[in-house]
Amino acid sequence: GSSVGSSVGSSVGSSVGHGSSRRRATPWLPNAAATLAIASSSLLLPPAPAALAADVATRTAAEFSSTAGFEEFAEQGGKMKADPSCFFNQCKEPTQACFTNPACLKGITCLGNCRGEQLCATQCFARFGSEKLNAWLACTLEEEECVSTGVQQDTQAFYANPPPVVGSFKPSDLEGKWFKVLGYNPKYDNYPCQSNTFTAAADGSLDNDILFRVPKPSGAGSWQNNFKEKLVAGAGRSGGANLVVEGKMFGLTFHEDWYLIGKGDGYRVVAYRGDTQQGPYDGAFVFTQQADALERPGGQKMRAEIDAAMRSAKLDPAQLAQIDNSCPADATSAGVSAAEASKEKLEWKDVFELTEWFRPGTIRKQANFDPAKM
């Protein structure tokens, strides 16, 4: 669903700001990682040369809005809170599982290098995604908050005044396979080769089988992703939604309200609002039953109806971007296979870059960072 990008971003904003906690790691860790955790304290070692040139974040939680999440902190220089001991005590088991797995550890440093950038983080998950990485992120960012912004999020106002929905909606209106052909929010909606297959469940909900691709930074090929989620009929947090989606993606919880703002022969128009630790987000997209429906006879009439539906929700139809559904045969499966994981080798820079999680703001972001080349 639309939550693909938003959940990703929340797991990477931890690489912003400047932590202040200084505690020792427990001794079970591999020597290099344990040494790094201790070295993250400026009481024990002087800052590395890279730290001297780093852009140190200084803004406190009190300077941000009540809806601010990791993304806003990343963009506006928020000072993150980090507790190194939390990684090794409260989150001992997932940290041990991840830090003793080279592919998982490289996934962590990949996310750290992204500094909150949405597409970069999505590419890291496509390259290094695994259940070990999901479990580590769930514990350190969400369950135990080893890294946090310090803002108590309040999204009530964000969900107020929902867009008007069509009066005749029923969940069966979405059953079957649909192609996402137009997207409104470039951060979340416009990944290529998107299809959603909705199947009615026995409890009246809809199971959604999602396919989409993440382009590789080099421009050569992409990673094929597959996610599943459940949509339940309900008014949601806004009180005006048709469907509610809640679940976990990349280890982190997300919530979305879906609004069917337009429907016609062969198309559906959906607006959404959602939130994660990344912060609140919104957007819209268009489903059609044929990937090239807007190019076929009758496509102009369909587009006119879609634009009218967008305007009824006070959304600018000119902001809808065409999604590339050409789907060339150059995609590889996202995530790390067992065979690939066994081949990953750590370099010293991978271990050193973990500093960015224990003491955010230490290392300057690499120019032209490419997750595919790690």
Protein backbone atom coordinates (compact mmCIF):
# COMPACT_ATOMS: atom_id res chain seq x y z
CA GLY A 1 0.00 0.00 0.00
CA SER A 2 0.94 3.62 0.34
CA SER A 3 2.81 2.81 3.53
CA VAL A 4 5.78 1.33 1.69
CA GLY A 5 7.92 4.46 1.81
CA SER A 6 6.67 5.89 5.07
CA SER A 7 7.59 2.92 7.21
CA VAL A 8 10.98 2.76 5.61
CA GLY A 9 11.81 6.34 6.44
CA SER A 10 11.07 5.98 10.12
CA SER A 11 13.82 3.43 10.48
CA VAL A 12 16.49 5.72 9.13
CA GLY A 13 15.89 9.03 10.86
CA SER A 14 17.86 7.77 13.82
CA SER A 15 20.99 8.84 12.01
CA VAL A 16 20.36 12.51 12.76
CA GLY A 17 21.28 14.69 15.69
CA HIS A 18 23.75 14.10 18.51
CA GLY A 19 23.22 11.57 21.31
CA SER A 20 24.26 12.20 24.88
CA SER A 21 24.02 8.86 26.75
CA ARG A 22 27.38 7.30 27.69
CA ARG A 23 27.26 3.75 29.01
CA ARG A 24 29.34 0.65 28.39
CA ALA A 25 28.22 -2.23 26.20
CA THR A 26 27.79 -5.70 27.66
CA PRO A 27 30.73 -8.07 26.97
CA TRP A 28 28.94 -10.74 24.91
CA LEU A 29 29.19 -8.65 21.74
CA PRO A 30 31.76 -9.39 19.04
CA ASN A 31 34.93 -7.54 19.95
CA ALA A 32 34.76 -4.94 17.18
CA ALA A 33 31.15 -4.01 17.87
CA ALA A 34 31.69 -3.88 21.63
CA THR A 35 34.73 -1.68 21.14
CA LEU A 36 32.76 0.62 18.90
CA ALA A 37 29.93 0.97 21.40
CA ILE A 38 32.38 2.02 24.08
CA ALA A 39 34.28 4.27 21.69
CA SER A 40 31.07 6.15 20.93
CA SER A 41 31.56 7.92 24.25
CA SER A 42 33.53 11.12 23.81
CA LEU A 43 34.79 10.58 27.37
CA LEU A 44 36.85 7.60 26.22
CA LEU A 45 38.11 8.55 22.77
CA PRO A 46 38.53 11.81 20.87
CA PRO A 47 36.20 12.33 17.93
CA ALA A 48 37.22 10.81 14.63
CA PRO A 49 38.38 13.27 11.92
CA ALA A 50 35.05 12.88 10.14
CA ALA A 51 33.27 14.08 13.25
CA LEU A 52 35.14 17.37 13.18
CA ALA A 53 33.54 18.24 9.87
CA ALA A 54 30.10 16.82 10.62
CA ASP A 55 27.04 19.02 10.64
CA VAL A 56 25.98 18.66 14.27
CA ALA A 57 22.24 18.92 14.85
CA THR A 58 21.23 21.26 17.66
CA ARG A 59 17.43 21.73 17.69
CA THR A 60 15.53 20.25 20.62
CA ALA A 61 12.17 18.43 20.69
CA ALA A 62 10.45 21.55 22.04
CA GLU A 63 11.20 23.35 18.77
CA PHE A 64 9.16 20.91 16.65
CA SER A 65 5.44 20.47 16.00
CA SER A 66 3.44 17.81 17.84
CA THR A 67 3.30 15.70 14.68
CA ALA A 68 7.06 15.72 14.06
CA GLY A 69 8.64 12.32 13.43
CA PHE A 70 12.07 11.12 12.38
CA GLU A 71 11.72 12.60 8.89
CA GLU A 72 11.12 16.17 10.08
CA PHE A 73 14.02 15.85 12.50
CA ALA A 74 16.26 14.63 9.70
CA GLU A 75 15.36 17.53 7.45
CA GLN A 76 15.46 20.29 10.06
CA GLY A 77 18.41 19.42 12.28
CA GLY A 78 16.73 17.89 15.32
CA LYS A 79 18.90 16.62 18.17
CA MET A 80 18.10 12.94 18.60
CA LYS A 81 18.25 11.07 21.89
CA ALA A 82 20.34 7.89 21.85
CA ASP A 83 21.01 5.41 24.67
CA PRO A 84 23.79 2.97 23.66
CA SER A 85 23.18 0.65 26.61
CA CYS A 86 19.60 0.12 25.43
CA PHE A 87 20.83 -1.62 22.27
CA PHE A 88 22.79 -4.14 24.33
CA ASN A 89 20.49 -4.58 27.32
CA GLN A 90 16.79 -4.09 26.52
CA CYS A 91 17.38 -5.19 22.91
CA LYS A 92 20.13 -7.70 23.62
CA GLU A 93 18.73 -10.67 21.66
CA PRO A 94 17.87 -8.90 18.38
CA THR A 95 21.13 -6.93 18.58
CA GLN A 96 23.13 -10.11 19.08
CA ALA A 97 21.31 -11.82 16.20
CA CYS A 98 21.88 -8.89 13.86
CA PHE A 99 25.42 -7.94 14.87
CA THR A 100 26.65 -11.50 14.35
CA ASN A 101 25.15 -11.55 10.83
CA PRO A 102 27.21 -9.55 8.32
CA ALA A 103 24.27 -8.90 5.97
CA CYS A 104 22.10 -7.57 8.81
CA LEU A 105 24.91 -5.41 10.15
CA LYS A 106 25.50 -3.96 6.69
CA GLY A 107 21.76 -3.21 6.52
CA ILE A 108 22.06 -1.16 9.70
CA THR A 109 25.04 0.83 8.42
CA CYS A 110 23.31 1.26 5.06
CA LEU A 111 20.34 2.89 6.80
CA GLY A 112 22.68 5.03 8.87
CA ASN A 113 24.28 6.35 5.71
CA CYS A 114 20.91 7.46 4.33
CA ARG A 115 20.41 10.21 6.95
CA GLY A 116 16.64 10.10 6.66
CA GLU A 117 16.39 10.09 2.87
CA GLN A 118 13.32 8.17 1.77
CA LEU A 119 14.44 6.50 -1.46
CA CYS A 120 17.87 5.65 -0.04
CA ALA A 121 16.29 3.84 2.93
CA THR A 122 13.94 1.92 0.64
CA GLN A 123 16.95 0.81 -1.41
CA CYS A 124 18.73 -0.36 1.76
CA PHE A 125 15.77 -2.58 2.64
CA ALA A 126 15.61 -3.89 -0.91
CA ARG A 127 19.31 -4.76 -0.72
CA PHE A 128 19.65 -6.02 2.87
CA GLY A 129 16.12 -6.60 4.18
CA SER A 130 15.64 -9.60 6.50
CA GLU A 131 13.66 -10.73 9.53
CA LYS A 132 16.75 -10.15 11.69
CA LEU A 133 16.92 -6.52 10.57
CA ASN A 134 13.17 -6.09 11.08
CA ALA A 135 13.40 -7.47 14.64
CA TRP A 136 16.30 -5.18 15.51
CA LEU A 137 14.52 -2.08 14.20
CA ALA A 138 11.28 -3.03 15.96
CA CYS A 139 13.04 -3.29 19.30
CA THR A 140 15.47 -0.38 19.10
CA LEU A 141 13.25 2.22 17.42
CA GLU A 142 9.73 1.31 18.50
CA GLU A 143 9.49 -1.04 21.47
CA GLU A 144 12.38 0.25 23.61
CA GLU A 145 13.11 3.58 21.85
CA CYS A 146 16.88 3.29 22.07
CA VAL A 147 16.86 6.20 19.60
CA SER A 148 14.05 8.75 19.74
CA THR A 149 13.13 12.32 18.91
CA GLY A 150 11.66 13.18 22.30
CA VAL A 151 8.42 14.43 20.69
CA GLN A 152 5.14 12.98 21.94
CA GLN A 153 3.29 12.71 18.66
CA ASP A 154 -0.31 13.93 18.45
CA THR A 155 -1.93 13.34 15.05
CA GLN A 156 -5.54 14.12 15.97
CA ALA A 157 -5.61 17.39 14.03
CA PHE A 158 -3.92 15.72 11.05
CA TYR A 159 -6.82 13.27 10.64
CA ALA A 160 -9.52 15.93 11.04
CA ASN A 161 -11.70 17.00 8.07
CA PRO A 162 -11.32 13.87 5.92
CA PRO A 163 -12.03 14.02 2.18
CA PRO A 164 -15.55 13.10 0.99
CA VAL A 165 -15.98 9.49 -0.12
CA VAL A 166 -18.30 7.88 -2.65
CA GLY A 167 -21.57 6.88 -1.02
CA SER A 168 -21.89 3.47 -2.62
CA PHE A 169 -18.56 1.92 -1.54
CA LYS A 170 -18.32 -1.70 -0.42
CA PRO A 171 -15.10 -3.72 0.08
CA SER A 172 -15.93 -5.90 -2.92
CA ASP A 173 -15.37 -2.80 -5.09
CA LEU A 174 -11.64 -3.50 -4.76
CA GLU A 175 -11.60 -7.27 -5.23
CA GLY A 176 -9.36 -8.59 -7.98
CA LYS A 177 -6.09 -7.36 -9.48
CA TRP A 178 -5.49 -3.65 -9.95
CA PHE A 179 -2.56 -1.69 -11.35
CA LYS A 180 -1.49 1.53 -9.71
CA VAL A 181 -1.13 3.89 -12.68
CA LEU A 182 -1.09 7.40 -11.17
CA GLY A 183 0.46 8.56 -7.90
CA TYR A 184 0.07 11.83 -5.99
CA ASN A 185 2.86 11.80 -3.39
CA PRO A 186 6.27 11.27 -5.05
CA LYS A 187 7.75 9.91 -1.82
CA TYR A 188 5.35 6.99 -1.49
CA ASP A 189 3.10 6.50 -4.49
CA ASN A 190 5.23 6.37 -7.62
CA TYR A 191 7.38 3.23 -7.44
CA PRO A 192 7.32 1.37 -10.79
CA CYS A 193 5.49 -1.85 -11.62
CA GLN A 194 2.89 -1.65 -8.86
CA SER A 195 0.05 -4.12 -8.69
CA ASN A 196 -2.39 -4.81 -5.85
CA THR A 197 -4.44 -8.00 -5.73
CA PHE A 198 -7.34 -7.85 -3.26
CA THR A 199 -8.98 -11.04 -2.00
CA ALA A 200 -12.03 -11.20 0.26
CA ALA A 201 -11.30 -12.87 3.62
CA ALA A 202 -13.79 -14.89 5.66
CA ASP A 203 -14.02 -12.14 8.29
CA GLY A 204 -15.13 -9.55 5.72
CA SER A 205 -11.73 -7.87 5.41
CA LEU A 206 -9.58 -7.66 2.28
CA ASP A 207 -6.17 -9.30 1.92
CA ASN A 208 -3.91 -7.18 -0.28
CA ASP A 209 -0.97 -8.79 -2.11
CA ILE A 210 1.32 -5.96 -3.24
CA LEU A 211 4.07 -6.02 -5.84
CA PHE A 212 6.32 -3.05 -6.61
CA ARG A 213 9.88 -2.34 -7.71
CA VAL A 214 12.59 -0.16 -6.22
CA PRO A 215 15.01 1.25 -8.82
CA LYS A 216 18.69 0.64 -8.16
CA PRO A 217 20.68 3.88 -7.70
CA SER A 218 22.85 3.13 -10.73
CA GLY A 219 19.76 3.11 -12.94
CA ALA A 220 20.50 -0.45 -14.08
CA GLY A 221 17.69 -2.72 -12.95
CA SER A 222 15.55 -2.78 -9.83
CA TRP A 223 14.59 -4.84 -6.80
CA GLN A 224 11.24 -6.67 -6.87
CA ASN A 225 9.31 -6.34 -3.59
CA ASN A 226 6.28 -8.26 -2.35
CA PHE A 227 4.23 -7.31 0.74
CA LYS A 228 0.91 -8.42 2.15
CA GLU A 229 -1.49 -6.39 4.28
CA LYS A 230 -5.07 -6.58 5.54
CA LEU A 231 -7.69 -3.86 5.05
CA VAL A 232 -10.69 -3.71 7.37
CA ALA A 233 -13.87 -1.73 6.74
CA GLY A 234 -14.06 1.13 9.22
CA ALA A 235 -14.16 4.87 9.74
CA GLY A 236 -10.57 5.01 11.04
CA ARG A 237 -8.98 7.77 13.08
CA SER A 238 -10.58 10.43 10.93
CA GLY A 239 -14.11 9.10 11.36
CA GLY A 240 -14.68 9.29 7.62
CA ALA A 241 -12.61 6.50 6.07
CA ASN A 242 -13.80 3.50 4.08
CA LEU A 243 -10.98 1.16 5.02
CA VAL A 244 -8.33 0.96 7.73
CA VAL A 245 -4.90 -0.62 7.30
CA GLU A 246 -2.70 -1.41 10.29
CA GLY A 247 0.34 -3.61 10.48
CA LYS A 248 4.12 -3.77 10.48
CA MET A 249 6.48 -3.12 7.62
CA PHE A 250 10.26 -3.42 8.02
CA GLY A 251 9.63 -4.11 11.70
CA LEU A 252 7.74 -0.88 12.37
CA THR A 253 4.06 -0.19 12.96
CA PHE A 254 2.01 1.87 10.53
CA HIS A 255 -1.63 3.00 10.43
CA GLU A 256 -3.55 4.22 7.37
CA ASP A 257 -7.06 5.44 6.65
CA TRP A 258 -8.19 4.88 3.05
CA TYR A 259 -10.86 7.00 1.38
CA LEU A 260 -12.44 5.87 -1.91
CA ILE A 261 -13.00 9.28 -3.48
CA GLY A 262 -13.89 8.06 -6.97
CA LYS A 263 -14.88 4.94 -8.82
CA GLY A 264 -16.02 4.03 -12.31
CA ASP A 265 -15.83 1.35 -14.92
CA GLY A 266 -12.32 -0.08 -14.64
CA TYR A 267 -10.85 2.45 -12.18
CA ARG A 268 -10.78 3.44 -8.49
CA VAL A 269 -9.38 6.64 -6.93
CA VAL A 270 -8.06 6.36 -3.37
CA ALA A 271 -6.83 9.08 -1.01
CA TYR A 272 -5.12 8.14 2.23
CA ARG A 273 -3.75 9.51 5.47
CA GLY A 274 -1.38 7.60 7.69
CA ASP A 275 1.26 7.84 10.37
CA THR A 276 4.34 6.06 11.66
CA GLN A 277 7.28 7.14 13.80
CA GLN A 278 8.39 8.89 10.62
CA GLY A 279 5.46 11.25 11.19
CA PRO A 280 2.10 11.68 9.44
CA TYR A 281 1.82 11.40 5.68
CA ASP A 282 -0.86 11.55 3.01
CA GLY A 283 -1.37 11.09 -0.68
CA ALA A 284 -3.56 9.51 -3.32
CA PHE A 285 -3.36 7.04 -6.19
CA VAL A 286 -5.38 5.60 -9.04
CA PHE A 287 -6.04 1.91 -9.65
CA THR A 288 -7.05 0.58 -13.07
CA GLN A 289 -7.79 -2.97 -14.15
CA GLN A 290 -5.44 -2.71 -17.14
CA ALA A 291 -1.97 -1.28 -16.78
CA ASP A 292 -2.45 0.81 -19.94
CA ALA A 293 -6.09 1.74 -19.35
CA LEU A 294 -5.48 5.48 -19.72
CA GLU A 295 -3.84 4.96 -23.12
CA ARG A 296 -6.70 2.81 -24.47
CA PRO A 297 -9.86 4.03 -26.18
CA GLY A 298 -11.95 5.72 -23.51
CA GLY A 299 -8.84 6.67 -21.54
CA GLN A 300 -9.44 10.41 -21.90
CA LYS A 301 -12.95 10.09 -20.49
CA MET A 302 -11.63 7.98 -17.62
CA ARG A 303 -8.95 10.58 -16.85
CA ALA A 304 -11.52 13.37 -16.83
CA GLU A 305 -13.57 11.45 -14.26
CA ILE A 306 -10.46 10.79 -12.19
CA ASP A 307 -9.54 14.48 -12.22
CA ALA A 308 -13.06 15.40 -11.11
CA ALA A 309 -12.81 12.95 -8.20
CA MET A 310 -9.47 14.48 -7.17
CA ARG A 311 -10.90 17.99 -7.23
CA SER A 312 -13.85 16.86 -5.10
CA ALA A 313 -11.31 15.89 -2.43
CA LYS A 314 -9.52 19.25 -2.83
CA LEU A 315 -6.52 17.55 -4.42
CA ASP A 316 -4.83 18.97 -7.52
CA PRO A 317 -5.11 16.43 -10.36
CA ALA A 318 -2.13 18.04 -12.08
CA GLN A 319 0.02 16.61 -9.27
CA LEU A 320 -0.76 13.03 -10.30
CA ALA A 321 2.30 11.44 -11.91
CA GLN A 322 2.23 8.51 -14.30
CA ILE A 323 3.66 5.29 -12.85
CA ASP A 324 5.94 3.22 -15.06
CA ASN A 325 4.32 -0.19 -15.48
CA SER A 326 6.47 -1.35 -18.40
CA CYS A 327 8.20 -3.82 -16.03
CA PRO A 328 11.34 -4.81 -18.00
CA ALA A 329 12.95 -8.15 -17.22
CA ASP A 330 15.79 -6.65 -15.19
CA ALA A 331 14.51 -7.08 -11.63
CA THR A 332 16.07 -9.13 -8.83
CA SER A 333 14.27 -10.20 -5.66
CA ALA A 334 14.50 -7.77 -2.77
CA GLY A 335 16.08 -8.77 0.52
CA VAL A 336 19.00 -11.00 1.40
CA SER A 337 18.82 -14.70 0.58
CA ALA A 338 20.62 -17.25 2.75
CA ALA A 339 23.21 -17.72 0.01
CA GLU A 340 23.83 -13.98 -0.31
CA ALA A 341 24.02 -13.50 3.45
CA SER A 342 26.78 -16.10 3.72
CA LYS A 343 28.86 -14.20 1.14
CA GLU A 344 28.67 -10.77 2.80
CA LYS A 345 31.94 -9.63 4.32
CA LEU A 346 32.31 -6.79 6.81
CA GLU A 347 34.86 -4.04 6.32
CA TRP A 348 36.19 -1.78 9.05
CA LYS A 349 34.16 1.12 7.66
CA ASP A 350 30.95 -0.91 8.21
CA VAL A 351 31.77 -1.33 11.88
CA PHE A 352 32.90 2.26 12.33
CA GLU A 353 29.74 3.57 10.69
CA LEU A 354 27.68 1.97 13.48
CA THR A 355 28.77 5.02 15.47
CA GLU A 356 25.96 6.88 13.71
CA TRP A 357 23.42 4.83 15.68
CA PHE A 358 25.10 5.13 19.08
CA ARG A 359 26.13 8.75 18.73
CA PRO A 360 24.01 10.32 15.96
CA GLY A 361 25.58 13.19 14.05
CA THR A 362 29.16 11.91 14.30
CA ILE A 363 29.85 11.08 10.66
CA ARG A 364 29.17 13.25 7.65
CA LYS A 365 26.82 11.75 5.05
CA GLN A 366 28.63 10.28 2.07
CA ALA A 367 28.03 12.04 -1.23
CA ASN A 368 26.32 9.85 -3.84
CA PHE A 369 25.90 6.95 -1.40
CA ASP A 370 24.78 3.81 -3.25
CA PRO A 371 23.31 0.90 -1.21
CA ALA A 372 23.87 -1.46 -4.13
CA LYS A 373 27.66 -0.97 -3.87
CA MET A 374 28.03 -1.81 -0.18
